[in-house]
Structures are given as structure tokens and as C-alpha cells.
Amino acid sequence: MAANAIPGKIRRGFPSGLASGPRIILHTVILAATFAAAPAFAQTNDPNLTQKQLDCLNRTTAAGGGCSDNGAANGGRTPGAGTATGGAVFLPALIVDLFPNPPASAAPQTPAPSNGSSSSNGSSSTPPPAPAPSGPVTVPQGLNLAEPPRAIAGAFVPDEVLVTVAGDPGVVQQIANSFGLQVRSQRQSRLLGTTLVRFGITDGRPVGVVLAQLAADGRTQRREPNHIYTLQQAAGIVNYAFDRIALDSKEATGENVRVAVIDTGIDDSNPALAGVIADQYDAMPNVPIEKRDHGTSVDGLIAGIGPLEGMAPGAKIYHARAFEGGKSTMDVILSALDWAAEQNVRIINMSFVGPKNDLLGTACRNARAMGMVLVAAAGNNGPKAPYGYPAAFDGVIAVTATDAKDGLMPQANRGAYVFISAPGVEMVAPSGAGSDVVTGTSFAAAIVSGAIANLIHAAPDRTADEIEKALAATAKDLGPKGRDNDFGYGLLDIKAAGAAKE
């Protein structure tokens, strides 16, 4: 992990002996890549491309559907756009977020996902990764493209692809040999229902080209980039959330409701988390834990006890560490999701954002089918940012952040996928240092997860669909009448949602 991915802390004093902490902004890592030229290749990390523009780049939009050869439908971009020099295509640099951090010097380290075992102290037994082929990997000649090279939005690991494979380790190695790839890890995914393989690209081929080549092999089922995701904390006193969402703090409990949180490591010695953490899992055991604030704050806002009481102080947190330096990769997140699904949790909190990825979408869809309520941060990348995932997947409750006066956080993402609003601006929450003032859709998502734990405690038989409908029907309208792109259905009203007829 790049040590400079998170800005330094700004210390402030707080009343009642509360410790201070960081006022920081986490955002999408800035990557620029140079790839060897390939016919009709379009690969980009530009976060401002719309889905239609990406479809046009991939030539998946039907003729006459708005795409043209001159690139009019994709904002003037044509497949393979860039500056050609000496036989290489130089892709444009990423658009910088509204809230810049020092640029990461490299993609985050990608450990081999562990096998799902865990312990209460966060340790896990991890099977060794599949052995790499001895000697240099030889790329077969004459590999054909089974489909047009893909345009890839968002940040991703430039020398890896994730593939689901029908077959045993022998089949996996055969595929690697056939396409000149290196097997870096493989495991059986519960939520994907198949073997997930992380292949390494050792010869500099672009990810989009390798994905197009792999499509020729019927043993590969899904083929995706190893996208990079970022936690959603913005710079930031009293926790006003109870009042704003109509939750009586004296009645808040969520007793014994199981909530999974996928986040950074945590400081489980913080008094606000005493007895709250039921189990922990480390999805990236080969990466030292350096940052604990974000995960500690999210857990505390959901189920903290004592002076920094969360929305559901009786809930049990199943915490999966999947982020370091504010970043993670798709394979690590999928490992954490699989572990969460094995814990029989009712709610999964995902306070992070990244590009659309079919593997993540499938995992979320299957988790929802298993009865889990999925809550995710809408994102802090500004009004013109592309949709943030997993929040924008169907069946995921996308949460945006409001302040003490029900005003929208200016940095919040907008879009038709935004489902509901909740407090998330300048709130006091537990952190590794004791307590912090925190702001971001990450924390608004935690408020919603804790509130839903109260609904489930009061009516354990309520389904995920019923909970979602109740939240939508009872939210306090804040923007234009009805659901809108800024506030979704409006501000969460947990009292009204609890009284809503199923």
C-alpha cells in the first residue's frame, strides 16, 4: 500500500475529554497506464464516462442507438483514443477528484485471499497461493480476440484479471498455460458459486485484451478486471443522528442482530466497542494493519456503547478487514463478502465505492437472495461523478449523507441509484485515537445499517424486500417531490418505518 494515500491528521480539541483524530478525504486512486497498441482497443480509467459512453466504446450499443464512428456518442472519444508514439498508445491520465490526496505511487498490494477461517483476534489461516509456473511464462502465439477488447472504467490492478472457472486446479493451470498467464490465487467462492481465480499478466498485455482473449475458452464463466475500491470518508458535535432519523436512543438496541462490516482494521480496545465485536476476519493477512480509524468509526456508529453510543448498541458486529490505506481490490472484497455470508448475518455494511464489476454485482445479488440486507455508501466524489458501486447495484440500499439541518453533503455523489439519506456530516464517532469528527457517506451508511438492525430486532421475520419498501415509503421527502437524484426517497425515518405495515 502506498503510505502517502491518506493525508496527515489535523488535530482538534473536543469537549468532555474526547480525543481528536483525522479530518481526511479518501477518494479514488489516480492511476495512469501505458499499454502496447492493440487493434480496436479501448481501455480507460476516466471516471467521467457514462455507461452509454462505455457501451459505445465497447461497440455493444446497437446500430442507430446513439453511437457513431466519429465518437459523438462517447464525448469525442474513439476506441483506442490516445497519442500514438513509436507504436505505443498512451492513455489520458485520470481525472482528479474534487478532493485530491497525494498520488499513490503504485497499485495496492494484492494478497492471496484467505480461505474463510477466522478468529476473534482477527487472525486467519490462509492456504498458500497456487504455485506459479516454473521459469518464465510463455505467451502462446496467435491468440485470437473472441470479442472486442473492453473499455474499462475506474481504477484497476494493471497486470491482473479475475475469472470464474468451471473446473479443478488442473483446469485452472491449463487455462493459464493456454493464455500465457500466471495463477496468483484461486478459491471456491460461496456467493459466486464457483472457483474464483486471480490470473497475473506477465508480458504487459492490456487487461482489456486479455479479457477478450479469455472469452474464447468456454471453461471461463465471468471475466473481470481486478478493480480497486476506496473507503468513503470526507473531511469533517454531538451525534445528532438519533434525533434526525426519529430513533429514541433509550429504546435503540438491535439486540443480537448480526451485522457484517467490510472495512479497515479496527481498534477493538476502544471502549465503545467493548463486547460489540462477535468475530473478525482478515481478508488481506499479508498486509500489515496500519489504519484502524475508519473501521472503528463505522462499527461504533452502528453498535457502539457508552458515551459514543451507536444506533444499535445491542447488535453484534462481524468485522472483515479488507482495506489498508483506504484501498482494496475486488478479489479481497469478494473474500470478505464470502466470509460474511458464512456468518449468517442479516445486514452487510459496505462503506466503500468503486467501478461497476460483474463479480461484485453477482455476489451482492446472491447475498440479497439469501435474505441479507445490503447497505452501501453512495460516494463522496461530487455531483458529476459516475455511479458508485456496490451502491448502484439493484438490491443494495445506497445511502447519501446529510447534515444536522438536513442539507446534502456537497461532495456527495448524485444519481438515480441514491436510495435514502441519513446523517453523515460532522459527527463524533469512535476511532483508533479515541474519537474523531467524521464526515462522509461511509458514516451515513453505518447509521442506516444500525437503524435497520433495530427494525430487525423488533420484527425478526421482516424480509429484506419488506425493509427496503418500508424505508422508501416512510422517508421524509427533502428534495423535489418523490424520489430524486440528490436525496433519494428522502431522510430516513426509522420510527415511521417500524410502524409501516408489512
Protein backbone atom coordinates (compact mmCIF):
# COMPACT_ATOMS: atom_id res chain seq x y z
CA MET A 1 0.00 0.00 0.00
CA ALA A 2 1.18 3.46 -0.73
CA ALA A 3 1.95 5.08 2.56
CA ASN A 4 1.03 8.51 1.19
CA ALA A 5 -2.51 7.53 0.17
CA ILE A 6 -4.02 9.26 3.21
CA PRO A 7 -3.26 12.85 4.17
CA GLY A 8 -1.82 13.68 7.55
CA LYS A 9 -4.03 14.23 10.57
CA ILE A 10 -5.34 17.58 11.69
CA ARG A 11 -5.80 17.58 15.43
CA ARG A 12 -8.60 19.41 17.20
CA GLY A 13 -9.66 19.63 20.79
CA PHE A 14 -13.05 18.32 21.84
CA PRO A 15 -15.15 18.73 24.95
CA SER A 16 -15.59 16.05 27.60
CA GLY A 17 -12.13 14.67 27.10
CA LEU A 18 -12.82 13.26 23.66
CA ALA A 19 -9.65 12.58 21.71
CA SER A 20 -9.19 14.05 18.33
CA GLY A 21 -8.34 12.44 15.03
CA PRO A 22 -8.11 12.81 11.29
CA ARG A 23 -10.13 15.09 9.08
CA ILE A 24 -9.42 13.41 5.83
CA ILE A 25 -10.85 12.65 2.45
CA LEU A 26 -10.45 9.26 0.81
CA HIS A 27 -11.06 9.08 -2.89
CA THR A 28 -10.37 7.01 -5.97
CA VAL A 29 -6.69 6.29 -6.52
CA ILE A 30 -5.17 8.12 -9.51
CA LEU A 31 -3.61 5.74 -11.99
CA ALA A 32 -2.15 6.34 -15.47
CA ALA A 33 -1.05 3.44 -17.63
CA THR A 34 0.78 2.89 -20.92
CA PHE A 35 -0.13 -0.22 -22.91
CA ALA A 36 1.09 -1.82 -26.11
CA ALA A 37 -1.09 -0.93 -29.09
CA ALA A 38 -3.88 -3.39 -29.97
CA PRO A 39 -6.44 -3.16 -32.77
CA ALA A 40 -9.71 -1.53 -31.71
CA PHE A 41 -8.55 -1.47 -28.08
CA ALA A 42 -10.23 0.94 -25.67
CA GLN A 43 -9.18 0.89 -22.04
CA THR A 44 -9.67 3.83 -19.72
CA ASN A 45 -9.74 4.82 -16.08
CA ASP A 46 -11.72 8.00 -16.84
CA PRO A 47 -14.37 8.23 -14.04
CA ASN A 48 -16.46 10.72 -16.04
CA LEU A 49 -17.51 8.26 -18.74
CA THR A 50 -21.17 7.34 -18.61
CA GLN A 51 -22.33 3.76 -19.06
CA LYS A 52 -23.63 4.68 -22.54
CA GLN A 53 -20.24 6.05 -23.48
CA LEU A 54 -18.55 2.88 -22.26
CA ASP A 55 -21.04 0.78 -24.26
CA CYS A 56 -20.21 2.82 -27.36
CA LEU A 57 -16.50 2.29 -26.74
CA ASN A 58 -17.16 -1.44 -26.48
CA ARG A 59 -19.47 -1.34 -29.51
CA THR A 60 -22.22 -3.06 -27.51
CA THR A 61 -24.80 -0.38 -28.35
CA ALA A 62 -26.97 -1.44 -31.28
CA ALA A 63 -26.54 0.39 -34.57
CA GLY A 64 -28.54 3.56 -34.58
CA GLY A 65 -28.59 3.58 -30.78
CA GLY A 66 -26.62 6.78 -30.43
CA CYS A 67 -23.08 5.59 -31.25
CA SER A 68 -21.27 6.92 -34.29
CA ASP A 69 -17.92 6.31 -35.91
CA ASN A 70 -16.76 9.81 -35.14
CA GLY A 71 -17.17 9.26 -31.40
CA ALA A 72 -20.08 11.68 -30.98
CA ALA A 73 -21.85 9.38 -28.60
CA ASN A 74 -18.84 8.95 -26.37
CA GLY A 75 -17.90 12.52 -25.91
CA GLY A 76 -15.49 12.60 -28.82
CA ARG A 77 -13.54 9.57 -27.62
CA THR A 78 -12.92 6.80 -30.09
CA PRO A 79 -11.74 3.28 -29.29
CA GLY A 80 -8.03 3.33 -28.69
CA ALA A 81 -8.03 7.11 -28.29
CA GLY A 82 -4.70 8.45 -27.18
CA THR A 83 -1.46 9.75 -28.51
CA ALA A 84 0.39 7.22 -30.63
CA THR A 85 4.14 7.38 -30.37
CA GLY A 86 6.56 4.73 -31.54
CA GLY A 87 3.89 2.03 -31.75
CA ALA A 88 2.51 2.61 -28.23
CA VAL A 89 -0.82 4.07 -27.18
CA PHE A 90 -0.64 6.48 -24.24
CA LEU A 91 -3.96 6.71 -22.43
CA PRO A 92 -5.03 10.02 -20.89
CA ALA A 93 -4.38 10.46 -17.20
CA LEU A 94 -7.26 10.03 -14.80
CA ILE A 95 -9.48 12.96 -13.94
CA VAL A 96 -8.53 14.18 -10.47
CA ASP A 97 -11.21 14.07 -7.78
CA LEU A 98 -12.53 17.21 -6.18
CA PHE A 99 -10.58 16.37 -3.03
CA PRO A 100 -7.01 15.45 -4.03
CA ASN A 101 -4.74 13.24 -1.98
CA PRO A 102 -1.05 12.77 -2.76
CA PRO A 103 -0.93 10.40 -5.75
CA ALA A 104 -0.40 6.74 -4.97
CA SER A 105 2.93 5.56 -6.29
CA ALA A 106 1.63 2.12 -7.17
CA ALA A 107 -1.43 -0.08 -7.17
CA PRO A 108 -2.24 -1.54 -3.76
CA GLN A 109 -0.63 -4.80 -2.83
CA THR A 110 -2.95 -7.68 -3.63
CA PRO A 111 -2.58 -10.56 -1.18
CA ALA A 112 -3.87 -14.03 -1.78
CA PRO A 113 -7.40 -14.14 -0.29
CA SER A 114 -7.72 -16.40 2.70
CA ASN A 115 -9.95 -19.43 2.89
CA GLY A 116 -12.63 -18.00 5.14
CA SER A 117 -11.42 -19.24 8.51
CA SER A 118 -11.19 -16.64 11.24
CA SER A 119 -10.74 -15.99 14.90
CA SER A 120 -11.89 -13.37 17.33
CA ASN A 121 -8.49 -11.71 17.30
CA GLY A 122 -8.55 -11.16 13.57
CA SER A 123 -6.07 -13.89 12.66
CA SER A 124 -6.82 -16.30 9.84
CA SER A 125 -5.29 -19.37 8.31
CA THR A 126 -4.52 -18.78 4.67
CA PRO A 127 -3.84 -21.52 2.13
CA PRO A 128 -0.71 -20.98 0.05
CA PRO A 129 -1.42 -19.50 -3.35
CA ALA A 130 -1.41 -21.81 -6.33
CA PRO A 131 2.19 -22.29 -7.45
CA ALA A 132 3.29 -20.15 -10.34
CA PRO A 133 4.64 -21.95 -13.41
CA SER A 134 8.35 -22.61 -13.09
CA GLY A 135 10.51 -20.38 -15.24
CA PRO A 136 9.23 -17.53 -17.37
CA VAL A 137 5.61 -17.59 -18.54
CA THR A 138 5.45 -18.11 -22.29
CA VAL A 139 2.63 -16.41 -24.16
CA PRO A 140 1.32 -18.64 -26.97
CA GLN A 141 1.41 -17.11 -30.42
CA GLY A 142 -1.73 -16.48 -32.44
CA LEU A 143 -4.12 -15.82 -29.54
CA ASN A 144 -7.33 -14.53 -31.06
CA LEU A 145 -9.72 -11.99 -29.60
CA ALA A 146 -13.05 -13.72 -29.00
CA GLU A 147 -14.76 -10.36 -28.53
CA PRO A 148 -13.77 -6.69 -28.90
CA PRO A 149 -11.33 -5.50 -26.23
CA ARG A 150 -13.26 -3.89 -23.42
CA ALA A 151 -13.30 -0.27 -22.31
CA ILE A 152 -12.65 -0.44 -18.57
CA ALA A 153 -13.85 2.33 -16.27
CA GLY A 154 -12.33 3.05 -12.90
CA ALA A 155 -9.04 2.13 -11.27
CA PHE A 156 -7.82 -1.45 -11.51
CA VAL A 157 -4.71 -3.56 -10.97
CA PRO A 158 -2.95 -3.23 -14.35
CA ASP A 159 -1.48 -6.75 -14.51
CA GLU A 160 -4.31 -8.94 -13.18
CA VAL A 161 -7.71 -10.28 -14.18
CA LEU A 162 -10.35 -12.10 -12.12
CA VAL A 163 -12.01 -15.10 -13.74
CA THR A 164 -14.58 -17.63 -12.55
CA VAL A 165 -13.71 -21.08 -13.84
CA ALA A 166 -15.68 -24.31 -14.17
CA GLY A 167 -13.12 -26.90 -13.19
CA ASP A 168 -10.47 -28.04 -10.72
CA PRO A 169 -6.96 -26.63 -10.15
CA GLY A 170 -5.71 -28.70 -13.07
CA VAL A 171 -8.16 -26.95 -15.39
CA VAL A 172 -7.14 -23.59 -13.95
CA GLN A 173 -3.49 -24.29 -14.73
CA GLN A 174 -4.38 -25.46 -18.24
CA ILE A 175 -6.14 -22.15 -18.89
CA ALA A 176 -3.13 -20.27 -17.54
CA ASN A 177 -0.80 -22.19 -19.85
CA SER A 178 -3.10 -21.70 -22.84
CA PHE A 179 -3.21 -17.92 -22.45
CA GLY A 180 0.27 -17.25 -21.04
CA LEU A 181 -0.99 -16.24 -17.58
CA GLN A 182 0.19 -16.84 -14.03
CA VAL A 183 -2.11 -18.34 -11.38
CA ARG A 184 -1.73 -15.99 -8.41
CA SER A 185 -4.60 -17.29 -6.28
CA GLN A 186 -7.71 -19.42 -6.53
CA ARG A 187 -10.51 -20.32 -4.15
CA GLN A 188 -14.09 -21.54 -4.05
CA SER A 189 -16.47 -18.58 -3.66
CA ARG A 190 -19.70 -19.21 -1.80
CA LEU A 191 -21.51 -16.19 -3.17
CA LEU A 192 -20.32 -16.69 -6.74
CA GLY A 193 -20.93 -20.43 -6.55
CA THR A 194 -17.75 -21.30 -8.45
CA THR A 195 -13.97 -21.09 -8.43
CA LEU A 196 -12.56 -17.56 -8.48
CA VAL A 197 -9.09 -17.28 -9.98
CA ARG A 198 -6.72 -14.31 -9.95
CA PHE A 199 -4.54 -14.55 -13.04
CA GLY A 200 -1.41 -12.45 -13.43
CA ILE A 201 -0.40 -10.90 -16.76
CA THR A 202 3.38 -11.08 -17.01
CA ASP A 203 4.01 -9.76 -20.52
CA GLY A 204 2.39 -6.31 -20.41
CA ARG A 205 -0.75 -7.14 -22.40
CA PRO A 206 -3.59 -4.74 -21.60
CA VAL A 207 -6.27 -6.08 -19.26
CA GLY A 208 -8.99 -5.45 -21.85
CA VAL A 209 -7.16 -7.56 -24.43
CA VAL A 210 -6.62 -10.47 -22.03
CA LEU A 211 -10.29 -10.44 -21.05
CA ALA A 212 -11.25 -10.58 -24.73
CA GLN A 213 -8.86 -13.48 -25.32
CA LEU A 214 -10.14 -15.46 -22.32
CA ALA A 215 -13.70 -15.22 -23.65
CA ALA A 216 -12.69 -17.83 -26.25
CA ASP A 217 -12.37 -20.51 -23.56
CA GLY A 218 -15.72 -22.00 -22.54
CA ARG A 219 -14.34 -23.02 -19.17
CA THR A 220 -14.15 -19.35 -18.16
CA GLN A 221 -17.54 -18.11 -16.98
CA ARG A 222 -17.03 -14.48 -15.95
CA ARG A 223 -14.03 -12.33 -16.69
CA GLU A 224 -13.45 -9.01 -14.94
CA PRO A 225 -10.66 -6.54 -14.08
CA ASN A 226 -9.39 -6.60 -10.52
CA HIS A 227 -10.95 -3.21 -9.74
CA ILE A 228 -9.75 -1.01 -6.91
CA TYR A 229 -12.24 0.37 -4.36
CA THR A 230 -11.86 3.22 -1.86
CA LEU A 231 -13.41 3.97 1.51
CA GLN A 232 -15.77 6.93 1.61
CA GLN A 233 -14.69 9.30 4.37
CA ALA A 234 -14.70 13.04 3.84
CA ALA A 235 -13.09 15.75 5.95
CA GLY A 236 -15.03 16.87 8.92
CA ILE A 237 -20.82 17.58 17.58
CA VAL A 238 -22.82 15.80 19.16
CA ASN A 239 -24.25 12.75 17.40
CA TYR A 240 -27.44 14.29 16.11
CA ALA A 241 -28.42 11.19 14.15
CA PHE A 242 -30.84 9.82 16.74
CA ASP A 243 -32.99 12.93 16.53
CA ARG A 244 -32.81 13.33 12.77
CA ILE A 245 -33.85 9.73 11.98
CA ALA A 246 -36.51 9.59 14.73
CA LEU A 247 -34.80 6.88 16.78
CA ASP A 248 -35.18 7.08 20.57
CA SER A 249 -31.71 6.47 21.98
CA LYS A 250 -33.26 4.96 25.12
CA GLU A 251 -35.02 2.33 23.03
CA ALA A 252 -32.27 1.70 20.49
CA THR A 253 -30.97 -1.84 20.74
CA GLY A 254 -30.76 -4.15 17.73
CA GLU A 255 -30.00 -6.81 20.32
CA ASN A 256 -28.16 -9.83 18.90
CA VAL A 257 -28.80 -8.81 15.29
CA ARG A 258 -25.76 -9.86 13.27
CA VAL A 259 -24.20 -7.11 11.17
CA ALA A 260 -21.18 -7.66 8.92
CA VAL A 261 -18.87 -4.72 8.23
CA ILE A 262 -16.29 -4.77 5.43
CA ASP A 263 -13.74 -2.06 6.15
CA THR A 264 -10.28 -1.29 7.54
CA GLY A 265 -8.87 -2.95 10.60
CA ILE A 266 -10.28 -1.75 13.91
CA ASP A 267 -9.06 -0.76 17.35
CA ASP A 268 -11.04 -3.29 19.34
CA SER A 269 -9.56 -1.90 22.55
CA ASN A 270 -11.72 1.22 22.12
CA PRO A 271 -14.24 1.23 25.00
CA ALA A 272 -17.07 1.95 22.57
CA LEU A 273 -16.53 -1.49 21.02
CA ALA A 274 -16.29 -3.48 24.26
CA GLY A 275 -18.31 -6.67 23.77
CA VAL A 276 -19.57 -5.45 20.38
CA ILE A 277 -17.29 -7.43 18.06
CA ALA A 278 -18.51 -11.02 17.75
CA ASP A 279 -15.81 -12.15 15.31
CA GLN A 280 -13.15 -10.80 12.98
CA TYR A 281 -11.64 -11.90 9.69
CA ASP A 282 -8.59 -10.60 7.85
CA ALA A 283 -9.05 -10.81 4.08
CA MET A 284 -5.55 -9.42 3.46
CA PRO A 285 -3.37 -11.11 6.12
CA ASN A 286 -0.14 -10.47 4.23
CA VAL A 287 -0.57 -6.69 4.51
CA PRO A 288 0.30 -5.12 7.89
CA ILE A 289 -2.51 -3.21 9.58
CA GLU A 290 -1.66 0.49 9.80
CA LYS A 291 -5.04 2.25 9.61
CA ARG A 292 -7.84 1.47 12.06
CA ASP A 293 -9.82 4.70 12.31
CA HIS A 294 -12.38 4.26 9.53
CA GLY A 295 -13.45 0.75 10.52
CA THR A 296 -13.59 1.68 14.20
CA SER A 297 -15.83 4.65 13.41
CA VAL A 298 -18.19 2.62 11.22
CA ASP A 299 -18.52 -0.17 13.81
CA GLY A 300 -19.04 2.39 16.56
CA LEU A 301 -21.77 4.28 14.71
CA ILE A 302 -23.60 1.01 14.10
CA ALA A 303 -23.31 -0.63 17.52
CA GLY A 304 -21.04 1.38 19.83
CA ILE A 305 -21.74 1.53 23.55
CA GLY A 306 -21.13 4.07 26.31
CA PRO A 307 -20.82 7.82 25.67
CA LEU A 308 -20.35 7.23 21.94
CA GLU A 309 -23.41 5.03 21.60
CA GLY A 310 -24.28 3.75 18.17
CA MET A 311 -27.67 3.28 16.54
CA ALA A 312 -27.96 -0.37 17.65
CA PRO A 313 -25.83 -0.86 20.77
CA GLY A 314 -27.06 -4.43 21.21
CA ALA A 315 -26.09 -5.61 17.73
CA LYS A 316 -23.19 -7.99 17.13
CA ILE A 317 -20.57 -6.93 14.62
CA TYR A 318 -18.80 -9.41 12.37
CA HIS A 319 -15.90 -7.37 11.10
CA ALA A 320 -13.94 -8.19 7.94
CA ARG A 321 -10.76 -6.23 7.37
CA ALA A 322 -10.41 -5.72 3.63
CA PHE A 323 -8.86 -2.23 3.31
CA GLU A 324 -5.49 -0.68 4.01
CA GLY A 325 -4.52 2.87 3.19
CA GLY A 326 -8.15 3.44 2.23
CA LYS A 327 -7.98 0.99 -0.68
CA SER A 328 -8.76 -2.59 -1.57
CA THR A 329 -9.15 -4.78 -4.63
CA MET A 330 -12.03 -6.81 -5.97
CA ASP A 331 -10.63 -10.21 -5.03
CA VAL A 332 -10.06 -9.15 -1.42
CA ILE A 333 -13.56 -7.67 -1.12
CA LEU A 334 -15.12 -10.84 -2.55
CA SER A 335 -13.24 -12.91 0.04
CA ALA A 336 -14.65 -10.70 2.80
CA LEU A 337 -18.17 -10.96 1.39
CA ASP A 338 -17.96 -14.74 1.26
CA TRP A 339 -16.86 -14.83 4.89
CA ALA A 340 -19.71 -12.52 5.89
CA ALA A 341 -22.22 -14.77 4.12
CA GLU A 342 -20.94 -17.73 6.14
CA GLN A 343 -21.62 -15.92 9.44
CA ASN A 344 -25.41 -15.91 8.98
CA VAL A 345 -25.53 -12.11 9.20
CA ARG A 346 -28.71 -10.15 8.48
CA ILE A 347 -27.00 -6.91 7.33
CA ILE A 348 -23.80 -6.19 5.40
CA ASN A 349 -22.40 -2.66 5.59
CA MET A 350 -20.17 -1.63 2.68
CA SER A 351 -18.82 1.90 3.20
CA PHE A 352 -16.70 1.95 0.04
CA VAL A 353 -17.04 2.83 -3.63
CA GLY A 354 -15.50 1.70 -6.89
CA PRO A 355 -16.34 0.89 -10.52
CA LYS A 356 -19.02 -1.47 -11.73
CA ASN A 357 -17.81 -5.06 -11.63
CA ASP A 358 -19.93 -8.04 -12.62
CA LEU A 359 -18.40 -10.32 -9.99
CA LEU A 360 -19.33 -7.90 -7.22
CA GLY A 361 -22.81 -7.49 -8.70
CA THR A 362 -23.34 -11.25 -8.73
CA ALA A 363 -22.14 -11.59 -5.14
CA CYS A 364 -24.48 -8.80 -3.99
CA ARG A 365 -27.41 -10.27 -5.88
CA ASN A 366 -26.85 -13.71 -4.34
CA ALA A 367 -26.39 -12.26 -0.84
CA ARG A 368 -29.69 -10.44 -1.19
CA ALA A 369 -31.34 -13.68 -2.39
CA MET A 370 -30.07 -15.30 0.82
CA GLY A 371 -32.04 -12.70 2.80
CA MET A 372 -29.28 -10.25 3.72
CA VAL A 373 -29.91 -6.51 3.70
CA LEU A 374 -27.08 -4.76 1.84
CA VAL A 375 -26.23 -1.16 2.73
CA ALA A 376 -23.56 0.86 0.89
CA ALA A 377 -22.15 4.38 0.71
CA ALA A 378 -23.30 6.34 -2.36
CA GLY A 379 -19.88 8.01 -2.65
CA ASN A 380 -18.12 11.31 -1.95
CA ASN A 381 -16.83 12.12 -5.41
CA GLY A 382 -19.11 15.04 -6.25
CA PRO A 383 -22.27 15.79 -8.24
CA LYS A 384 -20.73 14.91 -11.61
CA ALA A 385 -19.13 11.65 -10.54
CA PRO A 386 -20.17 8.38 -12.17
CA TYR A 387 -22.35 5.96 -10.26
CA GLY A 388 -20.63 4.38 -7.27
CA TYR A 389 -20.67 0.62 -6.77
CA PRO A 390 -21.73 -1.56 -4.96
CA ALA A 391 -24.30 1.10 -4.01
CA ALA A 392 -25.69 1.33 -7.55
CA PHE A 393 -26.43 -2.39 -7.87
CA ASP A 394 -30.08 -3.44 -7.65
CA GLY A 395 -30.92 -4.73 -4.19
CA VAL A 396 -28.33 -2.54 -2.44
CA ILE A 397 -29.52 0.39 -0.32
CA ALA A 398 -27.44 3.37 -1.50
CA VAL A 399 -27.04 5.96 1.27
CA THR A 400 -26.12 9.62 0.87
CA ALA A 401 -25.11 11.98 3.69
CA THR A 402 -26.93 14.96 5.20
CA ASP A 403 -26.02 17.43 7.93
CA ALA A 404 -27.72 18.49 11.16
CA LYS A 405 -30.09 20.73 9.17
CA ASP A 406 -30.91 18.01 6.63
CA GLY A 407 -28.76 19.67 3.97
CA LEU A 408 -26.98 17.46 1.46
CA MET A 409 -23.25 16.96 1.84
CA PRO A 410 -21.84 18.93 -1.13
CA GLN A 411 -19.29 16.24 -2.01
CA ALA A 412 -21.94 13.50 -2.27
CA ASN A 413 -22.46 11.56 -5.49
CA ARG A 414 -25.78 12.12 -7.25
CA GLY A 415 -27.85 9.81 -9.38
CA ALA A 416 -30.99 7.74 -9.74
CA TYR A 417 -29.38 4.97 -7.69
CA VAL A 418 -29.34 7.06 -4.47
CA PHE A 419 -31.94 5.39 -2.27
CA ILE A 420 -32.08 7.21 1.06
CA SER A 421 -30.44 9.99 3.10
CA ALA A 422 -29.03 9.79 6.62
CA PRO A 423 -26.84 11.92 8.90
CA GLY A 424 -23.18 11.78 7.90
CA VAL A 425 -21.69 15.29 8.22
CA GLU A 426 -19.50 16.32 11.19
CA MET A 427 -20.43 13.55 13.57
CA VAL A 428 -18.43 12.36 16.58
CA ALA A 429 -17.56 8.68 16.31
CA PRO A 430 -15.12 6.26 17.94
CA SER A 431 -11.73 5.94 16.23
CA GLY A 432 -8.38 4.36 16.81
CA ALA A 433 -7.34 7.50 18.68
CA GLY A 434 -10.46 7.58 20.86
CA SER A 435 -12.87 9.71 18.84
CA ASP A 436 -12.98 11.75 15.66
CA VAL A 437 -15.21 14.22 13.91
CA VAL A 438 -16.14 12.31 10.76
CA THR A 439 -17.95 13.20 7.55
CA GLY A 440 -18.87 11.07 4.57
CA THR A 441 -21.39 8.72 3.04
CA SER A 442 -19.45 5.91 4.76
CA PHE A 443 -20.85 7.04 8.07
CA ALA A 444 -24.34 7.74 6.76
CA ALA A 445 -24.38 4.12 5.58
CA ALA A 446 -23.39 3.00 9.08
CA ILE A 447 -26.29 5.00 10.56
CA VAL A 448 -28.70 3.23 8.20
CA SER A 449 -27.25 -0.21 8.98
CA GLY A 450 -27.69 0.39 12.71
CA ALA A 451 -31.22 1.70 12.23
CA ILE A 452 -32.16 -1.39 10.21
CA ALA A 453 -30.79 -3.59 13.00
CA ASN A 454 -33.45 -2.02 15.23
CA LEU A 455 -36.15 -2.88 12.68
CA ILE A 456 -34.98 -6.48 12.51
CA HIS A 457 -34.83 -6.76 16.30
CA ALA A 458 -38.42 -5.54 16.55
CA ALA A 459 -39.66 -7.80 13.74
CA PRO A 460 -37.17 -10.62 13.03
CA ASP A 461 -39.34 -12.09 10.28
CA ARG A 462 -39.21 -8.95 8.14
CA THR A 463 -37.58 -9.69 4.82
CA ALA A 464 -35.00 -7.55 3.06
CA ASP A 465 -37.62 -6.57 0.47
CA GLU A 466 -40.09 -5.54 3.17
CA ILE A 467 -37.47 -3.45 4.96
CA GLU A 468 -36.48 -1.69 1.76
CA LYS A 469 -40.10 -0.89 0.90
CA ALA A 470 -40.78 0.44 4.41
CA LEU A 471 -37.75 2.74 4.30
CA ALA A 472 -38.80 4.13 0.92
CA ALA A 473 -42.45 4.62 1.88
CA THR A 474 -41.75 6.45 5.15
CA ALA A 475 -38.68 8.59 4.33
CA LYS A 476 -39.04 12.33 4.87
CA ASP A 477 -39.00 14.00 1.44
CA LEU A 478 -36.17 16.56 1.30
CA GLY A 479 -35.76 17.46 -2.36
CA PRO A 480 -38.17 17.61 -5.29
CA LYS A 481 -41.36 15.70 -4.64
CA GLY A 482 -40.80 11.97 -4.77
CA ARG A 483 -37.52 10.19 -5.28
CA ASP A 484 -34.75 12.39 -6.67
CA ASN A 485 -31.10 12.10 -7.60
CA ASP A 486 -29.84 14.05 -4.59
CA PHE A 487 -31.69 12.69 -1.55
CA GLY A 488 -33.24 9.50 -2.96
CA TYR A 489 -36.56 8.93 -1.24
CA GLY A 490 -35.51 11.35 1.49
CA LEU A 491 -34.32 11.31 5.09
CA LEU A 492 -34.54 8.02 6.97
CA ASP A 493 -37.43 7.92 9.48
CA ILE A 494 -36.91 4.74 11.45
CA LYS A 495 -39.89 5.25 13.74
CA ALA A 496 -42.26 5.52 10.79
CA ALA A 497 -40.58 2.61 9.03
CA GLY A 498 -41.03 0.43 12.11
CA ALA A 499 -44.72 1.24 12.22
CA ALA A 500 -45.26 0.67 8.50
CA LYS A 501 -47.47 -2.26 7.60
CA GLU A 502 -45.65 -5.14 6.01
